[in-house]
Amino acid sequence: MIFVIPFSLIALFSPAAEDTSGNEVSFSGFSMMFLIMPIFQGVMGYIMVRFGMRVYNKLTPHIGGIEFEFEPVDVEHVEVTEDEVKGN
């Protein structure tokens, strides 16, 4: 949405384009795309993630899932250098 407002203003205040006959060409459909596409992408992203999760959940009983192995870390004996603290 950060790009919608500036590009919509640019399209709103830009001079109208003309075709070869001198008639104005309307870009209202193109301008509406800036408003509709983020919403469409959000909805389609939600649907596709739900679909992917459904497929993953159906396949994991048959082929196994993703496995994570964690090891406990003794925090008292972890050495931290000054460069790590400064973020270098």
N, C-alpha and C. Protein backbone atom coordinates (compact mmCIF):
# COMPACT_ATOMS: atom_id res chain seq x y z
N MET A 1 0.82 -1.19 0.00
CA MET A 1 0.00 0.00 0.00
C MET A 1 0.86 1.26 0.00
N ILE A 2 2.14 1.12 0.32
CA ILE A 2 3.02 2.28 0.34
C ILE A 2 3.13 2.89 -1.06
N PHE A 3 3.10 2.07 -2.10
CA PHE A 3 3.27 2.55 -3.46
C PHE A 3 1.95 2.99 -4.08
N VAL A 4 0.83 2.61 -3.50
CA VAL A 4 -0.47 2.90 -4.12
C VAL A 4 -0.73 4.40 -4.16
N ILE A 5 -0.54 5.09 -3.06
CA ILE A 5 -0.88 6.51 -2.99
C ILE A 5 0.00 7.35 -3.92
N PRO A 6 1.33 7.22 -3.88
CA PRO A 6 2.12 8.07 -4.80
C PRO A 6 1.85 7.78 -6.28
N PHE A 7 1.75 6.50 -6.65
CA PHE A 7 1.53 6.19 -8.05
C PHE A 7 0.12 6.58 -8.50
N SER A 8 -0.85 6.50 -7.60
CA SER A 8 -2.20 6.96 -7.95
C SER A 8 -2.21 8.46 -8.16
N LEU A 9 -1.48 9.20 -7.33
CA LEU A 9 -1.40 10.65 -7.50
C LEU A 9 -0.68 11.01 -8.80
N ILE A 10 0.37 10.27 -9.12
CA ILE A 10 1.07 10.51 -10.39
C ILE A 10 0.13 10.28 -11.56
N ALA A 11 -0.62 9.20 -11.52
CA ALA A 11 -1.55 8.89 -12.60
C ALA A 11 -2.68 9.92 -12.66
N LEU A 12 -3.10 10.42 -11.50
CA LEU A 12 -4.20 11.39 -11.46
C LEU A 12 -3.78 12.73 -12.06
N PHE A 13 -2.57 13.17 -11.75
CA PHE A 13 -2.13 14.49 -12.19
C PHE A 13 -1.30 14.48 -13.47
N SER A 14 -1.06 13.33 -14.04
CA SER A 14 -0.31 13.28 -15.29
C SER A 14 -1.23 13.68 -16.45
N PRO A 15 -0.66 14.26 -17.49
CA PRO A 15 -1.50 14.65 -18.63
C PRO A 15 -2.09 13.42 -19.31
N ALA A 16 -3.25 13.60 -19.87
CA ALA A 16 -3.93 12.49 -20.53
C ALA A 16 -3.20 12.12 -21.82
N ALA A 17 -3.09 10.85 -22.07
CA ALA A 17 -2.45 10.37 -23.29
C ALA A 17 -3.45 10.47 -24.44
N GLU A 18 -2.91 10.58 -25.63
CA GLU A 18 -3.75 10.66 -26.81
C GLU A 18 -3.37 9.56 -27.79
N ASP A 19 -4.39 9.05 -28.49
CA ASP A 19 -4.09 8.06 -29.52
C ASP A 19 -3.75 8.79 -30.83
N THR A 20 -3.60 8.07 -31.92
CA THR A 20 -3.17 8.67 -33.19
C THR A 20 -4.22 9.63 -33.76
N SER A 21 -5.48 9.47 -33.36
CA SER A 21 -6.54 10.35 -33.85
C SER A 21 -6.68 11.61 -33.00
N GLY A 22 -5.96 11.68 -31.89
CA GLY A 22 -6.06 12.85 -31.02
C GLY A 22 -7.07 12.68 -29.89
N ASN A 23 -7.67 11.52 -29.78
CA ASN A 23 -8.63 11.26 -28.72
C ASN A 23 -7.90 10.87 -27.43
N GLU A 24 -8.46 11.30 -26.30
CA GLU A 24 -7.85 10.94 -25.02
C GLU A 24 -8.01 9.45 -24.75
N VAL A 25 -6.97 8.86 -24.17
CA VAL A 25 -7.00 7.44 -23.81
C VAL A 25 -7.19 7.36 -22.31
N SER A 26 -8.18 6.62 -21.89
CA SER A 26 -8.49 6.51 -20.47
C SER A 26 -7.62 5.44 -19.82
N PHE A 27 -7.04 5.79 -18.67
CA PHE A 27 -6.26 4.83 -17.90
C PHE A 27 -6.95 4.49 -16.59
N SER A 28 -8.26 4.64 -16.54
CA SER A 28 -8.97 4.40 -15.28
C SER A 28 -8.85 2.94 -14.85
N GLY A 29 -8.86 2.02 -15.81
CA GLY A 29 -8.70 0.60 -15.46
C GLY A 29 -7.32 0.32 -14.91
N PHE A 30 -6.32 0.97 -15.51
CA PHE A 30 -4.95 0.81 -15.04
C PHE A 30 -4.78 1.42 -13.65
N SER A 31 -5.40 2.56 -13.41
CA SER A 31 -5.32 3.20 -12.10
C SER A 31 -6.03 2.37 -11.03
N MET A 32 -7.13 1.77 -11.39
CA MET A 32 -7.86 0.93 -10.44
C MET A 32 -7.05 -0.31 -10.07
N MET A 33 -6.16 -0.73 -10.97
CA MET A 33 -5.33 -1.89 -10.69
C MET A 33 -4.47 -1.65 -9.46
N PHE A 34 -4.00 -0.41 -9.26
CA PHE A 34 -3.19 -0.10 -8.09
C PHE A 34 -3.97 -0.31 -6.80
N LEU A 35 -5.27 -0.16 -6.83
CA LEU A 35 -6.09 -0.37 -5.65
C LEU A 35 -6.53 -1.82 -5.49
N ILE A 36 -6.82 -2.47 -6.61
CA ILE A 36 -7.38 -3.82 -6.57
C ILE A 36 -6.31 -4.89 -6.39
N MET A 37 -5.15 -4.73 -7.01
CA MET A 37 -4.13 -5.78 -7.00
C MET A 37 -3.61 -6.13 -5.60
N PRO A 38 -3.34 -5.18 -4.71
CA PRO A 38 -2.89 -5.59 -3.37
C PRO A 38 -3.94 -6.42 -2.63
N ILE A 39 -5.19 -6.06 -2.80
CA ILE A 39 -6.27 -6.83 -2.16
C ILE A 39 -6.35 -8.22 -2.78
N PHE A 40 -6.28 -8.29 -4.11
CA PHE A 40 -6.32 -9.57 -4.81
C PHE A 40 -5.14 -10.45 -4.41
N GLN A 41 -3.94 -9.85 -4.32
CA GLN A 41 -2.76 -10.62 -3.94
C GLN A 41 -2.88 -11.14 -2.50
N GLY A 42 -3.44 -10.33 -1.62
CA GLY A 42 -3.63 -10.79 -0.24
C GLY A 42 -4.61 -11.94 -0.15
N VAL A 43 -5.71 -11.84 -0.86
CA VAL A 43 -6.72 -12.91 -0.86
C VAL A 43 -6.15 -14.18 -1.49
N MET A 44 -5.48 -14.05 -2.64
CA MET A 44 -4.92 -15.23 -3.29
C MET A 44 -3.78 -15.83 -2.46
N GLY A 45 -2.99 -14.99 -1.82
CA GLY A 45 -1.94 -15.50 -0.94
C GLY A 45 -2.52 -16.30 0.20
N TYR A 46 -3.59 -15.80 0.80
CA TYR A 46 -4.26 -16.52 1.89
C TYR A 46 -4.79 -17.87 1.40
N ILE A 47 -5.45 -17.86 0.25
CA ILE A 47 -6.03 -19.10 -0.29
C ILE A 47 -4.94 -20.11 -0.62
N MET A 48 -3.85 -19.67 -1.24
CA MET A 48 -2.78 -20.59 -1.62
C MET A 48 -2.04 -21.14 -0.41
N VAL A 49 -1.85 -20.32 0.62
CA VAL A 49 -1.21 -20.83 1.85
C VAL A 49 -2.12 -21.86 2.51
N ARG A 50 -3.41 -21.59 2.55
CA ARG A 50 -4.35 -22.57 3.12
C ARG A 50 -4.31 -23.88 2.32
N PHE A 51 -4.26 -23.76 0.99
CA PHE A 51 -4.18 -24.95 0.14
C PHE A 51 -2.89 -25.71 0.40
N GLY A 52 -1.77 -25.01 0.49
CA GLY A 52 -0.49 -25.65 0.75
C GLY A 52 -0.46 -26.34 2.10
N MET A 53 -1.05 -25.70 3.10
CA MET A 53 -1.11 -26.33 4.44
C MET A 53 -1.98 -27.58 4.40
N ARG A 54 -3.06 -27.53 3.65
CA ARG A 54 -3.96 -28.68 3.54
C ARG A 54 -3.23 -29.86 2.88
N VAL A 55 -2.52 -29.58 1.79
CA VAL A 55 -1.76 -30.63 1.09
C VAL A 55 -0.69 -31.20 2.02
N TYR A 56 0.05 -30.32 2.71
CA TYR A 56 1.10 -30.77 3.62
C TYR A 56 0.51 -31.66 4.72
N ASN A 57 -0.59 -31.25 5.30
CA ASN A 57 -1.20 -32.03 6.38
C ASN A 57 -1.76 -33.37 5.90
N LYS A 58 -2.18 -33.43 4.64
CA LYS A 58 -2.67 -34.70 4.09
C LYS A 58 -1.50 -35.65 3.75
N LEU A 59 -0.35 -35.09 3.34
CA LEU A 59 0.77 -35.93 2.93
C LEU A 59 1.66 -36.37 4.10
N THR A 60 1.75 -35.60 5.16
CA THR A 60 2.68 -35.93 6.24
C THR A 60 2.42 -37.27 6.91
N PRO A 61 1.19 -37.72 7.08
CA PRO A 61 1.03 -39.05 7.68
C PRO A 61 1.61 -40.17 6.81
N HIS A 62 1.70 -39.95 5.51
CA HIS A 62 2.17 -40.99 4.60
C HIS A 62 3.67 -40.92 4.34
N ILE A 63 4.23 -39.70 4.25
CA ILE A 63 5.64 -39.57 3.89
C ILE A 63 6.49 -39.00 5.02
N GLY A 64 5.88 -38.63 6.11
CA GLY A 64 6.63 -38.03 7.22
C GLY A 64 6.71 -36.53 7.05
N GLY A 65 6.92 -35.87 8.15
CA GLY A 65 6.95 -34.41 8.10
C GLY A 65 8.35 -33.87 8.25
N ILE A 66 8.42 -32.61 8.54
CA ILE A 66 9.70 -31.94 8.78
C ILE A 66 10.06 -32.17 10.23
N GLU A 67 11.28 -32.60 10.47
CA GLU A 67 11.69 -32.93 11.84
C GLU A 67 12.78 -31.94 12.28
N PHE A 68 12.62 -31.45 13.49
CA PHE A 68 13.60 -30.55 14.09
C PHE A 68 14.23 -31.22 15.29
N GLU A 69 15.52 -31.07 15.42
CA GLU A 69 16.22 -31.59 16.59
C GLU A 69 16.85 -30.42 17.32
N PHE A 70 16.53 -30.32 18.59
CA PHE A 70 17.06 -29.24 19.41
C PHE A 70 18.00 -29.81 20.46
N GLU A 71 19.06 -29.08 20.71
CA GLU A 71 20.00 -29.47 21.76
C GLU A 71 19.99 -28.38 22.82
N PRO A 72 19.97 -28.79 24.07
CA PRO A 72 20.01 -27.77 25.12
C PRO A 72 21.37 -27.06 25.13
N VAL A 73 21.35 -25.77 25.39
CA VAL A 73 22.57 -24.97 25.43
C VAL A 73 22.75 -24.45 26.84
N ASP A 74 23.95 -24.62 27.35
CA ASP A 74 24.25 -24.10 28.68
C ASP A 74 24.61 -22.63 28.53
N VAL A 75 23.70 -21.76 28.90
CA VAL A 75 23.85 -20.33 28.66
C VAL A 75 24.99 -19.74 29.49
N GLU A 76 25.26 -20.29 30.63
CA GLU A 76 26.30 -19.74 31.50
C GLU A 76 27.68 -19.86 30.89
N HIS A 77 27.92 -20.85 30.03
CA HIS A 77 29.25 -21.09 29.48
C HIS A 77 29.39 -20.66 28.03
N VAL A 78 28.44 -19.88 27.51
CA VAL A 78 28.53 -19.38 26.14
C VAL A 78 29.38 -18.11 26.16
N GLU A 79 30.42 -18.10 25.32
CA GLU A 79 31.29 -16.94 25.25
C GLU A 79 30.81 -16.00 24.16
N VAL A 80 30.70 -14.73 24.50
CA VAL A 80 30.28 -13.71 23.56
C VAL A 80 31.40 -12.69 23.46
N THR A 81 31.85 -12.43 22.23
CA THR A 81 32.91 -11.45 22.03
C THR A 81 32.31 -10.05 21.92
N GLU A 82 33.17 -9.04 22.04
CA GLU A 82 32.70 -7.66 21.93
C GLU A 82 32.17 -7.37 20.53
N ASP A 83 32.74 -7.99 19.50
CA ASP A 83 32.27 -7.77 18.13
C ASP A 83 30.85 -8.27 17.96
N GLU A 84 30.52 -9.41 18.60
CA GLU A 84 29.16 -9.94 18.52
C GLU A 84 28.17 -9.03 19.25
N VAL A 85 28.62 -8.43 20.36
CA VAL A 85 27.76 -7.54 21.12
C VAL A 85 27.49 -6.27 20.31
N LYS A 86 28.52 -5.75 19.63
CA LYS A 86 28.39 -4.53 18.84
C LYS A 86 27.66 -4.77 17.52
N GLY A 87 27.55 -6.01 17.11
CA GLY A 87 26.86 -6.34 15.87
C GLY A 87 27.76 -6.32 14.66
N ASN A 88 29.06 -6.40 14.83
CA ASN A 88 30.00 -6.40 13.69
C ASN A 88 30.24 -7.80 13.20
